[in-house]
Each structure stands twice: as structure tokens, then as C-alpha cells.
Amino acid sequence: MIGKAHTLEDRIRIVRALPRPARLAALVAGLRVASDAERERLTLELLELALLPEGRVSARARRNADGALVALLRAWPSLPSGVRSSTAEACEGRWAAAADSLLRTDPLALARAAAALALPEL
């Protein structure tokens, strides 16, 4: 049994020990309820999952990374503005596929993300 996780860093350490699909689910759930102060840290953890390593990547690793990228796009309106630009740059070249996936599964979330991209001051 895992003891109480008192701080955000304690909870992140626990989440990092999970397999990637479970880690993605935990981060997405955490992002939904995070305070503004916690959201940046959770976004960076999610971004780490979305990054693809250099060289050959297994289909499973690509699916996991793509899932994290779709989660970032879905949460785009609530992401801290300071993290948005680094997220956009880090995943350059993969956004169209993420948007296509989100269009098929959650078109309203894609519309919100597009509005946040077009009107970042909202």
C-alpha cells in the first residue's frame, strides 16, 4: 500500500512509477482538478510523455506519445500560457494528427483548443 502523498511532488513520484498508459490517465485526471499552481507542473509531466525519442520508435511508444499529445490539445485552453509555447515547439510536426484524432473523438474540445489558439487572451 502506498502511504499518503502530501505534496504534489510526492504524488508525481507515485504517478511516475506507473506504466505509461496509467501515468497518462493519472496526469489527465490530475490536470482536470489541478489548481493554477499545480497545472504547470502537471502539464510538463504530460509534455514529457508526449515527446518522441530520437531514432526508431516502437508503435506502442508512438501511441502513448500521441495519446499524451491529444490530451495536451484537449486541455489547451486551461494550460498555463508560459507552457503553451514550449509545448507547441516540442511537438512540432505532430499537431495535425492530434487535431484529427481529437476531431473524431471530441470535436467540442478541438473547437475550444482552436479558440484558445486563435484568441490566447481568453
C-alpha atoms as a PDB file:
ATOM      1  CA  MET A   1       0.000   0.000   0.000  1.00  0.00           C
ATOM      2  CA  ILE A   2       1.249   3.462  -0.822  1.00  0.00           C
ATOM      3  CA  GLY A   3       1.269   5.932   2.060  1.00  0.00           C
ATOM      4  CA  LYS A   4      -0.290   9.349   1.903  1.00  0.00           C
ATOM      5  CA  ALA A   5       1.142  11.617  -0.746  1.00  0.00           C
ATOM      6  CA  HIS A   6       1.177  15.017   0.908  1.00  0.00           C
ATOM      7  CA  THR A   7       2.779  17.194  -1.719  1.00  0.00           C
ATOM      8  CA  LEU A   8       2.425  17.487  -5.460  1.00  0.00           C
ATOM      9  CA  GLU A   9       5.966  16.162  -5.843  1.00  0.00           C
ATOM     10  CA  ASP A  10       5.044  13.100  -3.746  1.00  0.00           C
ATOM     11  CA  ARG A  11       2.058  12.444  -5.990  1.00  0.00           C
ATOM     12  CA  ILE A  12       4.140  12.930  -9.136  1.00  0.00           C
ATOM     13  CA  ARG A  13       6.725  10.420  -7.849  1.00  0.00           C
ATOM     14  CA  ILE A  14       3.926   7.884  -7.404  1.00  0.00           C
ATOM     15  CA  VAL A  15       2.493   8.618 -10.855  1.00  0.00           C
ATOM     16  CA  ARG A  16       5.927   8.289 -12.488  1.00  0.00           C
ATOM     17  CA  ALA A  17       6.158   4.721 -11.181  1.00  0.00           C
ATOM     18  CA  LEU A  18       3.037   3.734 -13.137  1.00  0.00           C
ATOM     19  CA  PRO A  19       3.114   2.195 -16.625  1.00  0.00           C
ATOM     20  CA  ARG A  20       2.811   4.867 -19.327  1.00  0.00           C
ATOM     21  CA  PRO A  21      -0.911   4.368 -20.105  1.00  0.00           C
ATOM     22  CA  ALA A  22      -1.806   4.587 -16.405  1.00  0.00           C
ATOM     23  CA  ARG A  23       0.537   7.556 -15.961  1.00  0.00           C
ATOM     24  CA  LEU A  24      -1.201   9.338 -18.842  1.00  0.00           C
ATOM     25  CA  ALA A  25      -4.629   8.667 -17.328  1.00  0.00           C
ATOM     26  CA  ALA A  26      -3.499   9.885 -13.899  1.00  0.00           C
ATOM     27  CA  LEU A  27      -1.989  13.083 -15.300  1.00  0.00           C
ATOM     28  CA  VAL A  28      -5.083  13.845 -17.371  1.00  0.00           C
ATOM     29  CA  ALA A  29      -7.294  13.309 -14.317  1.00  0.00           C
ATOM     30  CA  GLY A  30      -4.994  15.459 -12.200  1.00  0.00           C
ATOM     31  CA  LEU A  31      -4.951  18.240 -14.759  1.00  0.00           C
ATOM     32  CA  ARG A  32      -8.750  18.427 -14.652  1.00  0.00           C
ATOM     33  CA  VAL A  33      -8.766  19.241 -10.934  1.00  0.00           C
ATOM     34  CA  ALA A  34      -5.389  20.960 -10.525  1.00  0.00           C
ATOM     35  CA  SER A  35      -5.028  24.404  -9.066  1.00  0.00           C
ATOM     36  CA  ASP A  36      -3.319  27.035 -11.182  1.00  0.00           C
ATOM     37  CA  ALA A  37      -0.135  26.467  -9.193  1.00  0.00           C
ATOM     38  CA  GLU A  38      -0.202  22.705  -9.883  1.00  0.00           C
ATOM     39  CA  ARG A  39      -1.270  22.884 -13.511  1.00  0.00           C
ATOM     40  CA  GLU A  40       2.113  23.959 -14.877  1.00  0.00           C
ATOM     41  CA  ARG A  41       3.935  21.070 -13.209  1.00  0.00           C
ATOM     42  CA  LEU A  42       1.371  18.528 -14.408  1.00  0.00           C
ATOM     43  CA  THR A  43       1.491  19.957 -17.925  1.00  0.00           C
ATOM     44  CA  LEU A  44       5.259  19.498 -18.021  1.00  0.00           C
ATOM     45  CA  GLU A  45       4.841  15.873 -16.939  1.00  0.00           C
ATOM     46  CA  LEU A  46       2.287  15.350 -19.699  1.00  0.00           C
ATOM     47  CA  LEU A  47       4.591  17.041 -22.202  1.00  0.00           C
ATOM     48  CA  GLU A  48       7.355  14.630 -21.226  1.00  0.00           C
ATOM     49  CA  LEU A  49       5.053  11.745 -22.163  1.00  0.00           C
ATOM     50  CA  ALA A  50       4.182  13.413 -25.472  1.00  0.00           C
ATOM     51  CA  LEU A  51       7.787  13.716 -26.605  1.00  0.00           C
ATOM     52  CA  LEU A  52       9.141  11.121 -29.006  1.00  0.00           C
ATOM     53  CA  PRO A  53      12.735   9.992 -28.532  1.00  0.00           C
ATOM     54  CA  GLU A  54      15.226  10.373 -31.359  1.00  0.00           C
ATOM     55  CA  GLY A  55      15.596   7.450 -33.739  1.00  0.00           C
ATOM     56  CA  ARG A  56      13.341   4.455 -34.150  1.00  0.00           C
ATOM     57  CA  VAL A  57      10.248   4.404 -32.001  1.00  0.00           C
ATOM     58  CA  SER A  58       8.032   1.388 -31.383  1.00  0.00           C
ATOM     59  CA  ALA A  59       4.378   1.569 -32.380  1.00  0.00           C
ATOM     60  CA  ARG A  60       3.432   1.297 -28.715  1.00  0.00           C
ATOM     61  CA  ALA A  61       5.676   4.201 -27.700  1.00  0.00           C
ATOM     62  CA  ARG A  62       4.251   6.292 -30.551  1.00  0.00           C
ATOM     63  CA  ARG A  63       0.664   5.522 -29.470  1.00  0.00           C
ATOM     64  CA  ASN A  64       1.472   6.531 -25.899  1.00  0.00           C
ATOM     65  CA  ALA A  65       3.156   9.759 -27.024  1.00  0.00           C
ATOM     66  CA  ASP A  66       0.315  10.544 -29.419  1.00  0.00           C
ATOM     67  CA  GLY A  67      -2.225   9.959 -26.644  1.00  0.00           C
ATOM     68  CA  ALA A  68      -0.384  12.425 -24.435  1.00  0.00           C
ATOM     69  CA  LEU A  69      -0.287  14.966 -27.257  1.00  0.00           C
ATOM     70  CA  VAL A  70      -4.039  14.625 -27.800  1.00  0.00           C
ATOM     71  CA  ALA A  71      -4.530  15.111 -24.046  1.00  0.00           C
ATOM     72  CA  LEU A  72      -2.440  18.292 -24.194  1.00  0.00           C
ATOM     73  CA  LEU A  73      -4.500  19.592 -27.104  1.00  0.00           C
ATOM     74  CA  ARG A  74      -7.749  18.733 -25.308  1.00  0.00           C
ATOM     75  CA  ALA A  75      -6.563  20.650 -22.228  1.00  0.00           C
ATOM     76  CA  TRP A  76      -5.056  23.535 -24.233  1.00  0.00           C
ATOM     77  CA  PRO A  77      -7.479  26.239 -23.022  1.00  0.00           C
ATOM     78  CA  SER A  78      -6.561  25.512 -19.398  1.00  0.00           C
ATOM     79  CA  LEU A  79      -2.796  25.157 -19.892  1.00  0.00           C
ATOM     80  CA  PRO A  80      -0.621  27.908 -18.421  1.00  0.00           C
ATOM     81  CA  SER A  81       0.377  30.349 -21.160  1.00  0.00           C
ATOM     82  CA  GLY A  82       4.043  30.029 -20.235  1.00  0.00           C
ATOM     83  CA  VAL A  83       3.960  26.320 -21.032  1.00  0.00           C
ATOM     84  CA  ARG A  84       1.926  26.561 -24.237  1.00  0.00           C
ATOM     85  CA  SER A  85       4.754  27.878 -26.417  1.00  0.00           C
ATOM     86  CA  SER A  86       7.253  25.239 -25.292  1.00  0.00           C
ATOM     87  CA  THR A  87       4.604  22.562 -25.760  1.00  0.00           C
ATOM     88  CA  ALA A  88       3.822  23.788 -29.269  1.00  0.00           C
ATOM     89  CA  GLU A  89       7.501  23.809 -30.243  1.00  0.00           C
ATOM     90  CA  ALA A  90       8.365  20.468 -28.643  1.00  0.00           C
ATOM     91  CA  CYS A  91       5.681  18.602 -30.575  1.00  0.00           C
ATOM     92  CA  GLU A  92       6.007  20.467 -33.852  1.00  0.00           C
ATOM     93  CA  GLY A  93       5.019  18.406 -36.862  1.00  0.00           C
ATOM     94  CA  ARG A  94       2.603  16.175 -34.928  1.00  0.00           C
ATOM     95  CA  TRP A  95      -0.236  18.594 -34.195  1.00  0.00           C
ATOM     96  CA  ALA A  96      -2.291  17.858 -37.329  1.00  0.00           C
ATOM     97  CA  ALA A  97      -2.581  14.177 -36.430  1.00  0.00           C
ATOM     98  CA  ALA A  98      -3.504  15.083 -32.844  1.00  0.00           C
ATOM     99  CA  ALA A  99      -6.157  17.514 -34.073  1.00  0.00           C
ATOM    100  CA  ASP A 100      -7.539  14.877 -36.450  1.00  0.00           C
ATOM    101  CA  SER A 101      -7.772  12.380 -33.602  1.00  0.00           C
ATOM    102  CA  LEU A 102      -9.491  14.905 -31.356  1.00  0.00           C
ATOM    103  CA  LEU A 103     -11.884  15.863 -34.159  1.00  0.00           C
ATOM    104  CA  ARG A 104     -13.019  12.238 -34.355  1.00  0.00           C
ATOM    105  CA  THR A 105     -13.368  11.753 -30.591  1.00  0.00           C
ATOM    106  CA  ASP A 106     -14.192  15.164 -29.105  1.00  0.00           C
ATOM    107  CA  PRO A 107     -14.912  17.904 -31.665  1.00  0.00           C
ATOM    108  CA  LEU A 108     -16.020  20.351 -28.973  1.00  0.00           C
ATOM    109  CA  ALA A 109     -12.646  20.073 -27.216  1.00  0.00           C
ATOM    110  CA  LEU A 110     -10.932  20.706 -30.549  1.00  0.00           C
ATOM    111  CA  ALA A 111     -13.078  23.806 -31.079  1.00  0.00           C
ATOM    112  CA  ARG A 112     -12.132  25.086 -27.614  1.00  0.00           C
ATOM    113  CA  ALA A 113      -8.442  24.453 -28.288  1.00  0.00           C
ATOM    114  CA  ALA A 114      -8.687  26.249 -31.639  1.00  0.00           C
ATOM    115  CA  ALA A 115     -10.374  29.224 -29.989  1.00  0.00           C
ATOM    116  CA  ALA A 116      -7.672  29.342 -27.314  1.00  0.00           C
ATOM    117  CA  LEU A 117      -5.000  29.260 -30.022  1.00  0.00           C
ATOM    118  CA  ALA A 118      -6.680  31.993 -32.045  1.00  0.00           C
ATOM    119  CA  LEU A 119      -7.588  34.163 -29.056  1.00  0.00           C
ATOM    120  CA  PRO A 120      -4.967  33.412 -26.381  1.00  0.00           C
ATOM    121  CA  GLU A 121      -6.111  36.258 -24.119  1.00  0.00           C
ATOM    122  CA  LEU A 122      -9.415  34.468 -23.410  1.00  0.00           C
END
